[in-house]
Amino acid sequence: MIIPKLHYISQGNSPKEHLENIQNACTAGAELVQLRLKGLSEKKLLKIATEARNITSHFQTRLIINDHYKIAKAIKADGVHLGQTDVCPTVARKELYTWQMIGGTANTMQECELLLDKSIDVISLGPFRASTTKANLSPVLGLKGYAAILDVLKTPIPIIGVGGITTGDVTEILETGISGLAISEEITRNFNSIKTLNQLLNASSTAEQRHRFK
């Protein structure tokens, strides 16, 4: 399973805005979108997730559902992202289709190692810096935090940086060993930034390949 390097986490003041922003992100070239809507009933979320699935399918963009693995299964989303207070990934894995991916959130080396034992496909490591999209933020990691964890954590599983990341941060973050980025605010402000972000991320993978084949 190849996981895109750039993840757009949906934002908006209403479910309708989330869907509009997902449409905008797909139009601008997003390869993976995470629907992150809090505080809705399961029934309402299922309806919104179904609409998000219709949008992303049209663009052949992957759709990940935040928290709700049963909804991810019901609408045949590409996977689910589970926070630390959500269901254990091993429980979700038994319920989901074999082709659906599971992402998990980590803030420390120990949390990364725990997730690696739970058959997940991708780890979101953060926050890189403080951001307004999340209440009760874990300690900010910054470049030093990323470097310290990734120097020790040897895994083929992609580690995605998350939390207040902007276009100007990309090159330095990738130097720490992070393999991709999950971004919300920067993209919602300017959907054209997806093109720039993809160029920066792809430039890094080209450099990796050159290095590997020398």
Foldseek 3Di string as FASTA:
>chain_A
DDDDQEEEEFDDPDLVNSLVLLLLLLVLPAQEYEDDDPDDDPVVVLVSVLSSLVSCVVSNHAYEYEQDLVSCQVNVGQAYEYEPPGDQLLVSCVVHDVRRAYEYEDAALVRVVVNVVRPHQEYEYADCDADDPDPPDDDGQHLPNLLVNVVPDDDPRAYEYEHPDELVCLVSNVVSVHLHYYDYPNCSVPVNVVVSRSVSNVVVVVVVVVVVVD
